[in-house]
Amino acid sequence: MEVERATGVKQEACWCTQVDFNADLLARVPAPARDKACICAACARAANT
């Protein structure tokens, strides 16, 4: 989404817009990194299995 905003070139939706991040996974993100860091697809999958 940031690429599209910066360049004006339409981008496909990121995988993360179609995944539910559960509260336990989000709670594991260190406080200083919240709202700044990404959670990778592997970690998201592992948390939902």
N, C-alpha and C. Protein backbone atom coordinates (compact mmCIF):
# COMPACT_ATOMS: atom_id res chain seq x y z
N MET A 1 0.82 -1.19 0.00
CA MET A 1 0.00 0.00 0.00
C MET A 1 0.86 1.25 0.00
N GLU A 2 2.00 1.17 0.66
CA GLU A 2 2.89 2.33 0.69
C GLU A 2 3.49 2.60 -0.69
N VAL A 3 3.78 1.54 -1.45
CA VAL A 3 4.32 1.71 -2.80
C VAL A 3 3.30 2.45 -3.66
N GLU A 4 2.05 2.04 -3.57
CA GLU A 4 1.01 2.69 -4.34
C GLU A 4 0.86 4.16 -3.96
N ARG A 5 0.91 4.42 -2.69
CA ARG A 5 0.80 5.80 -2.23
C ARG A 5 1.97 6.64 -2.72
N ALA A 6 3.15 6.08 -2.70
CA ALA A 6 4.35 6.83 -3.09
C ALA A 6 4.47 7.00 -4.59
N THR A 7 4.03 5.98 -5.35
CA THR A 7 4.26 6.01 -6.80
C THR A 7 3.01 6.28 -7.63
N GLY A 8 1.85 6.06 -7.05
CA GLY A 8 0.60 6.19 -7.79
C GLY A 8 0.31 4.98 -8.66
N VAL A 9 1.18 3.96 -8.61
CA VAL A 9 1.00 2.75 -9.40
C VAL A 9 0.18 1.75 -8.59
N LYS A 10 -0.94 1.32 -9.17
CA LYS A 10 -1.83 0.37 -8.49
C LYS A 10 -1.09 -0.91 -8.14
N GLN A 11 -1.24 -1.37 -6.91
CA GLN A 11 -0.60 -2.59 -6.42
C GLN A 11 -1.67 -3.60 -6.03
N GLU A 12 -1.31 -4.88 -6.15
CA GLU A 12 -2.22 -5.91 -5.65
C GLU A 12 -2.30 -5.80 -4.13
N ALA A 13 -3.41 -6.26 -3.59
CA ALA A 13 -3.57 -6.23 -2.14
C ALA A 13 -2.52 -7.13 -1.49
N CYS A 14 -1.96 -6.68 -0.40
CA CYS A 14 -0.98 -7.47 0.35
C CYS A 14 -1.69 -8.65 1.02
N TRP A 15 -0.96 -9.74 1.17
CA TRP A 15 -1.52 -10.93 1.81
C TRP A 15 -2.07 -10.59 3.19
N CYS A 16 -1.46 -9.62 3.85
CA CYS A 16 -1.83 -9.33 5.24
C CYS A 16 -3.20 -8.69 5.38
N THR A 17 -3.75 -8.17 4.27
CA THR A 17 -5.08 -7.55 4.35
C THR A 17 -6.17 -8.61 4.36
N GLN A 18 -5.81 -9.87 4.14
CA GLN A 18 -6.79 -10.93 4.08
C GLN A 18 -6.59 -11.97 5.18
N VAL A 19 -5.84 -11.62 6.20
CA VAL A 19 -5.54 -12.53 7.30
C VAL A 19 -5.98 -11.89 8.61
N ASP A 20 -6.52 -12.72 9.50
CA ASP A 20 -6.85 -12.24 10.83
C ASP A 20 -5.66 -12.49 11.74
N PHE A 21 -5.18 -11.46 12.37
CA PHE A 21 -4.08 -11.58 13.33
C PHE A 21 -4.71 -11.68 14.70
N ASN A 22 -4.52 -12.83 15.35
CA ASN A 22 -5.17 -13.01 16.65
C ASN A 22 -4.47 -12.18 17.73
N ALA A 23 -5.19 -11.95 18.80
CA ALA A 23 -4.71 -11.09 19.88
C ALA A 23 -3.42 -11.61 20.51
N ASP A 24 -3.29 -12.94 20.61
CA ASP A 24 -2.08 -13.51 21.21
C ASP A 24 -0.84 -13.18 20.38
N LEU A 25 -0.98 -13.29 19.06
CA LEU A 25 0.14 -12.97 18.18
C LEU A 25 0.49 -11.48 18.28
N LEU A 26 -0.50 -10.64 18.22
CA LEU A 26 -0.25 -9.20 18.30
C LEU A 26 0.37 -8.81 19.63
N ALA A 27 0.01 -9.51 20.70
CA ALA A 27 0.57 -9.21 22.02
C ALA A 27 2.05 -9.55 22.11
N ARG A 28 2.52 -10.44 21.21
CA ARG A 28 3.94 -10.81 21.23
C ARG A 28 4.85 -9.77 20.57
N VAL A 29 4.25 -8.82 19.86
CA VAL A 29 5.06 -7.76 19.25
C VAL A 29 5.52 -6.83 20.38
N PRO A 30 6.81 -6.59 20.51
CA PRO A 30 7.31 -5.72 21.58
C PRO A 30 6.68 -4.33 21.49
N ALA A 31 6.36 -3.76 22.63
CA ALA A 31 5.67 -2.47 22.68
C ALA A 31 6.31 -1.40 21.79
N PRO A 32 7.64 -1.25 21.78
CA PRO A 32 8.23 -0.19 20.94
C PRO A 32 8.03 -0.44 19.44
N ALA A 33 7.74 -1.67 19.05
CA ALA A 33 7.58 -2.00 17.64
C ALA A 33 6.13 -2.00 17.17
N ARG A 34 5.19 -1.89 18.10
CA ARG A 34 3.77 -1.93 17.73
C ARG A 34 3.43 -0.76 16.81
N ASP A 35 2.64 -1.07 15.82
CA ASP A 35 2.23 -0.11 14.78
C ASP A 35 3.39 0.34 13.91
N LYS A 36 4.53 -0.35 14.00
CA LYS A 36 5.69 -0.01 13.18
C LYS A 36 6.26 -1.24 12.48
N ALA A 37 6.20 -2.39 13.13
CA ALA A 37 6.80 -3.62 12.62
C ALA A 37 5.75 -4.48 11.91
N CYS A 38 6.22 -5.28 10.98
CA CYS A 38 5.35 -6.23 10.28
C CYS A 38 5.46 -7.60 10.94
N ILE A 39 4.40 -8.36 10.82
CA ILE A 39 4.41 -9.75 11.22
C ILE A 39 4.47 -10.55 9.93
N CYS A 40 5.44 -11.44 9.81
CA CYS A 40 5.62 -12.17 8.56
C CYS A 40 4.53 -13.23 8.39
N ALA A 41 4.39 -13.68 7.15
CA ALA A 41 3.37 -14.67 6.81
C ALA A 41 3.57 -15.97 7.59
N ALA A 42 4.81 -16.39 7.76
CA ALA A 42 5.09 -17.64 8.48
C ALA A 42 4.64 -17.54 9.93
N CYS A 43 4.88 -16.43 10.57
CA CYS A 43 4.47 -16.26 11.96
C CYS A 43 2.94 -16.18 12.07
N ALA A 44 2.31 -15.51 11.12
CA ALA A 44 0.85 -15.41 11.12
C ALA A 44 0.23 -16.80 10.94
N ARG A 45 0.77 -17.59 10.00
CA ARG A 45 0.27 -18.96 9.78
C ARG A 45 0.47 -19.81 11.03
N ALA A 46 1.64 -19.73 11.63
CA ALA A 46 1.94 -20.55 12.81
C ALA A 46 1.01 -20.21 13.97
N ALA A 47 0.66 -18.95 14.10
CA ALA A 47 -0.20 -18.53 15.20
C ALA A 47 -1.64 -18.99 15.01
N ASN A 48 -2.02 -19.27 13.77
CA ASN A 48 -3.41 -19.66 13.49
C ASN A 48 -3.56 -21.16 13.28
N THR A 49 -2.53 -21.93 13.66
CA THR A 49 -2.65 -23.39 13.51
C THR A 49 -2.72 -24.05 14.85
